[in-house]
């Protein structure tokens, strides 16, 4: 399937594994649900602090945006 997609889009594909540091879900995801994933770079020694800042500072603000579903 990846090769077909690469052919259709005219370019190569790259498979990578990532660790999810934070997941916010306000309700159970229904079948067929999708997610938006954001990745960032930073000092690995500060990962806990960066994740906590996002969890306690950014996510609550996102929850306040009309139409934001989690």
PDB file of N, CA and C in Angstrom:
ATOM      1  N   UNK A   1       0.826  -1.179   0.000  1.00  0.00           N
ATOM      2  CA  UNK A   1       0.000   0.000   0.000  1.00  0.00           C
ATOM      3  C   UNK A   1       0.884   1.262   0.000  1.00  0.00           C
ATOM      4  N   UNK A   2       1.964   1.223   0.779  1.00  0.00           N
ATOM      5  CA  UNK A   2       2.874   2.372   0.806  1.00  0.00           C
ATOM      6  C   UNK A   2       3.478   2.610  -0.579  1.00  0.00           C
ATOM      7  N   UNK A   3       3.881   1.526  -1.227  1.00  0.00           N
ATOM      8  CA  UNK A   3       4.485   1.663  -2.552  1.00  0.00           C
ATOM      9  C   UNK A   3       3.485   2.240  -3.549  1.00  0.00           C
ATOM     10  N   UNK A   4       2.236   1.833  -3.473  1.00  0.00           N
ATOM     11  CA  UNK A   4       1.206   2.376  -4.358  1.00  0.00           C
ATOM     12  C   UNK A   4       1.011   3.865  -4.094  1.00  0.00           C
ATOM     13  N   UNK A   5       0.996   4.242  -2.817  1.00  0.00           N
ATOM     14  CA  UNK A   5       0.839   5.654  -2.476  1.00  0.00           C
ATOM     15  C   UNK A   5       2.036   6.458  -2.978  1.00  0.00           C
ATOM     16  N   UNK A   6       3.232   5.921  -2.809  1.00  0.00           N
ATOM     17  CA  UNK A   6       4.432   6.613  -3.291  1.00  0.00           C
ATOM     18  C   UNK A   6       4.385   6.791  -4.803  1.00  0.00           C
ATOM     19  N   UNK A   7       3.937   5.753  -5.517  1.00  0.00           N
ATOM     20  CA  UNK A   7       3.807   5.858  -6.975  1.00  0.00           C
ATOM     21  C   UNK A   7       2.787   6.923  -7.356  1.00  0.00           C
ATOM     22  N   UNK A   8       1.655   6.937  -6.659  1.00  0.00           N
ATOM     23  CA  UNK A   8       0.592   7.891  -6.965  1.00  0.00           C
ATOM     24  C   UNK A   8       1.020   9.331  -6.691  1.00  0.00           C
ATOM     25  N   UNK A   9       1.867   9.506  -5.655  1.00  0.00           N
ATOM     26  CA  UNK A   9       2.293  10.859  -5.286  1.00  0.00           C
ATOM     27  C   UNK A   9       3.615  11.254  -5.917  1.00  0.00           C
ATOM     28  N   UNK A  10       4.233  10.304  -6.599  1.00  0.00           N
ATOM     29  CA  UNK A  10       5.459  10.608  -7.308  1.00  0.00           C
ATOM     30  C   UNK A  10       6.679  10.803  -6.424  1.00  0.00           C
ATOM     31  N   UNK A  11       6.754  10.091  -5.331  1.00  0.00           N
ATOM     32  CA  UNK A  11       7.916  10.246  -4.461  1.00  0.00           C
ATOM     33  C   UNK A  11       8.100   9.042  -3.555  1.00  0.00           C
ATOM     34  N   UNK A  12       9.209   9.008  -2.849  1.00  0.00           N
ATOM     35  CA  UNK A  12       9.479   7.878  -1.952  1.00  0.00           C
ATOM     36  C   UNK A  12       8.709   8.001  -0.638  1.00  0.00           C
ATOM     37  N   UNK A  13       8.721   6.936   0.128  1.00  0.00           N
ATOM     38  CA  UNK A  13       8.117   6.975   1.460  1.00  0.00           C
ATOM     39  C   UNK A  13       9.161   6.599   2.481  1.00  0.00           C
ATOM     40  N   UNK A  14       8.897   6.977   3.698  1.00  0.00           N
ATOM     41  CA  UNK A  14       9.820   6.727   4.792  1.00  0.00           C
ATOM     42  C   UNK A  14       9.012   6.280   6.006  1.00  0.00           C
ATOM     43  N   UNK A  15       9.368   5.164   6.592  1.00  0.00           N
ATOM     44  CA  UNK A  15       8.667   4.653   7.772  1.00  0.00           C
ATOM     45  C   UNK A  15       9.536   4.908   8.990  1.00  0.00           C
ATOM     46  N   UNK A  16       8.950   5.540   9.998  1.00  0.00           N
ATOM     47  CA  UNK A  16       9.657   5.837  11.241  1.00  0.00           C
ATOM     48  C   UNK A  16       8.785   5.478  12.425  1.00  0.00           C
ATOM     49  N   UNK A  17       9.405   5.151  13.534  1.00  0.00           N
ATOM     50  CA  UNK A  17       8.675   4.898  14.772  1.00  0.00           C
ATOM     51  C   UNK A  17       8.860   6.084  15.693  1.00  0.00           C
ATOM     52  N   UNK A  18       7.779   6.492  16.347  1.00  0.00           N
ATOM     53  CA  UNK A  18       7.803   7.629  17.241  1.00  0.00           C
ATOM     54  C   UNK A  18       7.163   7.245  18.563  1.00  0.00           C
ATOM     55  N   UNK A  19       7.564   7.883  19.599  1.00  0.00           N
ATOM     56  CA  UNK A  19       6.945   7.692  20.913  1.00  0.00           C
ATOM     57  C   UNK A  19       5.960   8.824  21.145  1.00  0.00           C
ATOM     58  N   UNK A  20       4.751   8.473  21.568  1.00  0.00           N
ATOM     59  CA  UNK A  20       3.741   9.483  21.872  1.00  0.00           C
ATOM     60  C   UNK A  20       3.967   9.943  23.305  1.00  0.00           C
ATOM     61  N   UNK A  21       4.303  11.210  23.473  1.00  0.00           N
ATOM     62  CA  UNK A  21       4.598  11.747  24.801  1.00  0.00           C
ATOM     63  C   UNK A  21       3.340  12.212  25.513  1.00  0.00           C
ATOM     64  N   UNK A  22       2.313  12.604  24.760  1.00  0.00           N
ATOM     65  CA  UNK A  22       1.090  13.135  25.358  1.00  0.00           C
ATOM     66  C   UNK A  22      -0.073  12.819  24.442  1.00  0.00           C
ATOM     67  N   UNK A  23      -1.141  12.315  25.024  1.00  0.00           N
ATOM     68  CA  UNK A  23      -2.358  12.029  24.273  1.00  0.00           C
ATOM     69  C   UNK A  23      -3.519  12.616  25.042  1.00  0.00           C
ATOM     70  N   UNK A  24      -4.297  13.448  24.385  1.00  0.00           N
ATOM     71  CA  UNK A  24      -5.470  14.073  25.019  1.00  0.00           C
ATOM     72  C   UNK A  24      -6.714  13.549  24.329  1.00  0.00           C
ATOM     73  N   UNK A  25      -7.557  12.918  25.077  1.00  0.00           N
ATOM     74  CA  UNK A  25      -8.797  12.378  24.521  1.00  0.00           C
ATOM     75  C   UNK A  25      -9.927  12.684  25.500  1.00  0.00           C
ATOM     76  N   UNK A  26     -10.890  13.491  25.074  1.00  0.00           N
ATOM     77  CA  UNK A  26     -12.009  13.872  25.934  1.00  0.00           C
ATOM     78  C   UNK A  26     -13.094  12.805  25.950  1.00  0.00           C
ATOM     79  N   UNK A  27     -13.098  11.951  24.958  1.00  0.00           N
ATOM     80  CA  UNK A  27     -14.104  10.896  24.862  1.00  0.00           C
ATOM     81  C   UNK A  27     -13.535   9.767  24.021  1.00  0.00           C
ATOM     82  N   UNK A  28     -14.190   8.616  24.050  1.00  0.00           N
ATOM     83  CA  UNK A  28     -13.725   7.478  23.277  1.00  0.00           C
ATOM     84  C   UNK A  28     -13.849   7.767  21.784  1.00  0.00           C
ATOM     85  N   UNK A  29     -12.831   7.417  21.036  1.00  0.00           N
ATOM     86  CA  UNK A  29     -12.838   7.643  19.594  1.00  0.00           C
ATOM     87  C   UNK A  29     -13.749   6.634  18.909  1.00  0.00           C
ATOM     88  N   UNK A  30     -14.550   7.121  17.976  1.00  0.00           N
ATOM     89  CA  UNK A  30     -15.443   6.254  17.220  1.00  0.00           C
ATOM     90  C   UNK A  30     -14.674   5.581  16.093  1.00  0.00           C
ATOM     91  N   UNK A  31     -15.225   4.503  15.575  1.00  0.00           N
ATOM     92  CA  UNK A  31     -14.578   3.809  14.472  1.00  0.00           C
ATOM     93  C   UNK A  31     -14.424   4.749  13.294  1.00  0.00           C
ATOM     94  N   UNK A  32     -13.264   4.707  12.675  1.00  0.00           N
ATOM     95  CA  UNK A  32     -12.981   5.576  11.544  1.00  0.00           C
ATOM     96  C   UNK A  32     -12.419   6.930  11.948  1.00  0.00           C
ATOM     97  N   UNK A  33     -12.255   7.132  13.253  1.00  0.00           N
ATOM     98  CA  UNK A  33     -11.719   8.412  13.723  1.00  0.00           C
ATOM     99  C   UNK A  33     -10.266   8.569  13.289  1.00  0.00           C
ATOM    100  N   UNK A  34      -9.839   9.795  13.173  1.00  0.00           N
ATOM    101  CA  UNK A  34      -8.462  10.119  12.808  1.00  0.00           C
ATOM    102  C   UNK A  34      -7.857  10.976  13.906  1.00  0.00           C
ATOM    103  N   UNK A  35      -6.583  11.183  13.800  1.00  0.00           N
ATOM    104  CA  UNK A  35      -5.947  12.085  14.761  1.00  0.00           C
ATOM    105  C   UNK A  35      -4.938  12.951  14.041  1.00  0.00           C
ATOM    106  N   UNK A  36      -4.679  14.071  14.627  1.00  0.00           N
ATOM    107  CA  UNK A  36      -3.639  14.963  14.129  1.00  0.00           C
ATOM    108  C   UNK A  36      -2.463  14.826  15.071  1.00  0.00           C
ATOM    109  N   UNK A  37      -1.316  14.602  14.532  1.00  0.00           N
ATOM    110  CA  UNK A  37      -0.120  14.385  15.332  1.00  0.00           C
ATOM    111  C   UNK A  37       0.842  15.538  15.081  1.00  0.00           C
ATOM    112  N   UNK A  38       1.368  16.069  16.152  1.00  0.00           N
ATOM    113  CA  UNK A  38       2.347  17.142  16.059  1.00  0.00           C
ATOM    114  C   UNK A  38       3.651  16.637  16.625  1.00  0.00           C
ATOM    115  N   UNK A  39       4.726  16.852  15.918  1.00  0.00           N
ATOM    116  CA  UNK A  39       6.016  16.442  16.442  1.00  0.00           C
ATOM    117  C   UNK A  39       6.867  17.689  16.620  1.00  0.00           C
ATOM    118  N   UNK A  40       7.776  17.582  17.521  1.00  0.00           N
ATOM    119  CA  UNK A  40       8.666  18.707  17.766  1.00  0.00           C
ATOM    120  C   UNK A  40      10.045  18.187  18.156  1.00  0.00           C
ATOM    121  N   UNK A  41      10.976  19.080  18.184  1.00  0.00           N
ATOM    122  CA  UNK A  41      12.329  18.742  18.594  1.00  0.00           C
ATOM    123  C   UNK A  41      12.661  19.559  19.830  1.00  0.00           C
ATOM    124  N   UNK A  42      13.518  19.017  20.637  1.00  0.00           N
ATOM    125  CA  UNK A  42      13.918  19.757  21.818  1.00  0.00           C
ATOM    126  C   UNK A  42      14.996  19.003  22.574  1.00  0.00           C
ATOM    127  N   UNK A  43      15.393  19.588  23.645  1.00  0.00           N
ATOM    128  CA  UNK A  43      16.402  19.000  24.512  1.00  0.00           C
ATOM    129  C   UNK A  43      15.800  17.782  25.208  1.00  0.00           C
ATOM    130  N   UNK A  44      16.345  16.609  24.952  1.00  0.00           N
ATOM    131  CA  UNK A  44      15.811  15.373  25.536  1.00  0.00           C
ATOM    132  C   UNK A  44      15.823  15.423  27.057  1.00  0.00           C
ATOM    133  N   UNK A  45      16.752  16.146  27.639  1.00  0.00           N
ATOM    134  CA  UNK A  45      16.822  16.269  29.086  1.00  0.00           C
ATOM    135  C   UNK A  45      15.701  17.105  29.677  1.00  0.00           C
ATOM    136  N   UNK A  46      15.015  17.858  28.831  1.00  0.00           N
ATOM    137  CA  UNK A  46      13.895  18.694  29.287  1.00  0.00           C
ATOM    138  C   UNK A  46      12.556  18.179  28.784  1.00  0.00           C
ATOM    139  N   UNK A  47      12.519  16.959  28.272  1.00  0.00           N
ATOM    140  CA  UNK A  47      11.295  16.435  27.674  1.00  0.00           C
ATOM    141  C   UNK A  47      10.129  16.427  28.659  1.00  0.00           C
ATOM    142  N   UNK A  48      10.379  16.006  29.905  1.00  0.00           N
ATOM    143  CA  UNK A  48       9.293  15.974  30.894  1.00  0.00           C
ATOM    144  C   UNK A  48       8.736  17.381  31.095  1.00  0.00           C
ATOM    145  N   UNK A  49       9.598  18.364  31.258  1.00  0.00           N
ATOM    146  CA  UNK A  49       9.160  19.740  31.479  1.00  0.00           C
ATOM    147  C   UNK A  49       8.370  20.261  30.278  1.00  0.00           C
ATOM    148  N   UNK A  50       8.854  19.992  29.073  1.00  0.00           N
ATOM    149  CA  UNK A  50       8.152  20.450  27.874  1.00  0.00           C
ATOM    150  C   UNK A  50       6.783  19.792  27.744  1.00  0.00           C
ATOM    151  N   UNK A  51       6.712  18.491  28.033  1.00  0.00           N
ATOM    152  CA  UNK A  51       5.440  17.772  27.950  1.00  0.00           C
ATOM    153  C   UNK A  51       4.459  18.295  28.990  1.00  0.00           C
ATOM    154  N   UNK A  52       4.934  18.527  30.202  1.00  0.00           N
ATOM    155  CA  UNK A  52       4.070  19.060  31.265  1.00  0.00           C
ATOM    156  C   UNK A  52       3.551  20.449  30.907  1.00  0.00           C
ATOM    157  N   UNK A  53       4.402  21.282  30.342  1.00  0.00           N
ATOM    158  CA  UNK A  53       3.984  22.623  29.937  1.00  0.00           C
ATOM    159  C   UNK A  53       2.889  22.541  28.884  1.00  0.00           C
ATOM    160  N   UNK A  54       3.055  21.651  27.917  1.00  0.00           N
ATOM    161  CA  UNK A  54       2.031  21.479  26.882  1.00  0.00           C
ATOM    162  C   UNK A  54       0.733  20.952  27.498  1.00  0.00           C
ATOM    163  N   UNK A  55       0.860  19.947  28.378  1.00  0.00           N
ATOM    164  CA  UNK A  55      -0.322  19.324  28.991  1.00  0.00           C
ATOM    165  C   UNK A  55      -1.093  20.304  29.858  1.00  0.00           C
ATOM    166  N   UNK A  56      -0.390  21.111  30.645  1.00  0.00           N
ATOM    167  CA  UNK A  56      -1.075  21.989  31.595  1.00  0.00           C
ATOM    168  C   UNK A  56      -1.337  23.389  31.060  1.00  0.00           C
ATOM    169  N   UNK A  57      -0.610  23.811  30.035  1.00  0.00           N
ATOM    170  CA  UNK A  57      -0.773  25.168  29.518  1.00  0.00           C
ATOM    171  C   UNK A  57      -1.466  25.266  28.180  1.00  0.00           C
ATOM    172  N   UNK A  58      -1.130  24.368  27.269  1.00  0.00           N
ATOM    173  CA  UNK A  58      -1.675  24.456  25.911  1.00  0.00           C
ATOM    174  C   UNK A  58      -2.979  23.683  25.760  1.00  0.00           C
ATOM    175  N   UNK A  59      -3.003  22.434  26.219  1.00  0.00           N
ATOM    176  CA  UNK A  59      -4.190  21.592  26.034  1.00  0.00           C
ATOM    177  C   UNK A  59      -5.444  22.226  26.636  1.00  0.00           C
ATOM    178  N   UNK A  60      -5.410  22.786  27.857  1.00  0.00           N
ATOM    179  CA  UNK A  60      -6.624  23.433  28.371  1.00  0.00           C
ATOM    180  C   UNK A  60      -7.108  24.583  27.489  1.00  0.00           C
ATOM    181  N   UNK A  61      -6.200  25.305  26.883  1.00  0.00           N
ATOM    182  CA  UNK A  61      -6.605  26.389  25.978  1.00  0.00           C
ATOM    183  C   UNK A  61      -7.241  25.834  24.709  1.00  0.00           C
ATOM    184  N   UNK A  62      -6.702  24.724  24.211  1.00  0.00           N
ATOM    185  CA  UNK A  62      -7.297  24.098  23.032  1.00  0.00           C
ATOM    186  C   UNK A  62      -8.709  23.637  23.330  1.00  0.00           C
ATOM    187  N   UNK A  63      -8.924  23.099  24.518  1.00  0.00           N
ATOM    188  CA  UNK A  63     -10.261  22.639  24.912  1.00  0.00           C
ATOM    189  C   UNK A  63     -11.284  23.771  24.866  1.00  0.00           C
ATOM    190  N   UNK A  64     -10.835  25.004  25.042  1.00  0.00           N
ATOM    191  CA  UNK A  64     -11.739  26.148  25.041  1.00  0.00           C
ATOM    192  C   UNK A  64     -12.104  26.659  23.659  1.00  0.00           C
ATOM    193  N   UNK A  65     -11.485  26.124  22.626  1.00  0.00           N
ATOM    194  CA  UNK A  65     -11.776  26.583  21.261  1.00  0.00           C
ATOM    195  C   UNK A  65     -13.052  25.904  20.769  1.00  0.00           C
ATOM    196  N   UNK A  66     -14.052  26.697  20.325  1.00  0.00           N
ATOM    197  CA  UNK A  66     -15.285  26.088  19.820  1.00  0.00           C
ATOM    198  C   UNK A  66     -15.000  25.121  18.666  1.00  0.00           C
ATOM    199  N   UNK A  67     -15.550  23.930  18.741  1.00  0.00           N
ATOM    200  CA  UNK A  67     -15.382  22.928  17.705  1.00  0.00           C
ATOM    201  C   UNK A  67     -14.211  21.996  17.937  1.00  0.00           C
ATOM    202  N   UNK A  68     -13.358  22.321  18.914  1.00  0.00           N
ATOM    203  CA  UNK A  68     -12.241  21.427  19.213  1.00  0.00           C
ATOM    204  C   UNK A  68     -12.810  20.162  19.840  1.00  0.00           C
ATOM    205  N   UNK A  69     -12.482  19.017  19.281  1.00  0.00           N
ATOM    206  CA  UNK A  69     -13.107  17.763  19.715  1.00  0.00           C
ATOM    207  C   UNK A  69     -12.206  16.896  20.582  1.00  0.00           C
ATOM    208  N   UNK A  70     -11.033  17.279  20.907  1.00  0.00           N
ATOM    209  CA  UNK A  70     -10.090  16.574  21.786  1.00  0.00           C
ATOM    210  C   UNK A  70      -8.798  16.305  21.059  1.00  0.00           C
TER     211      UNK A  70
END
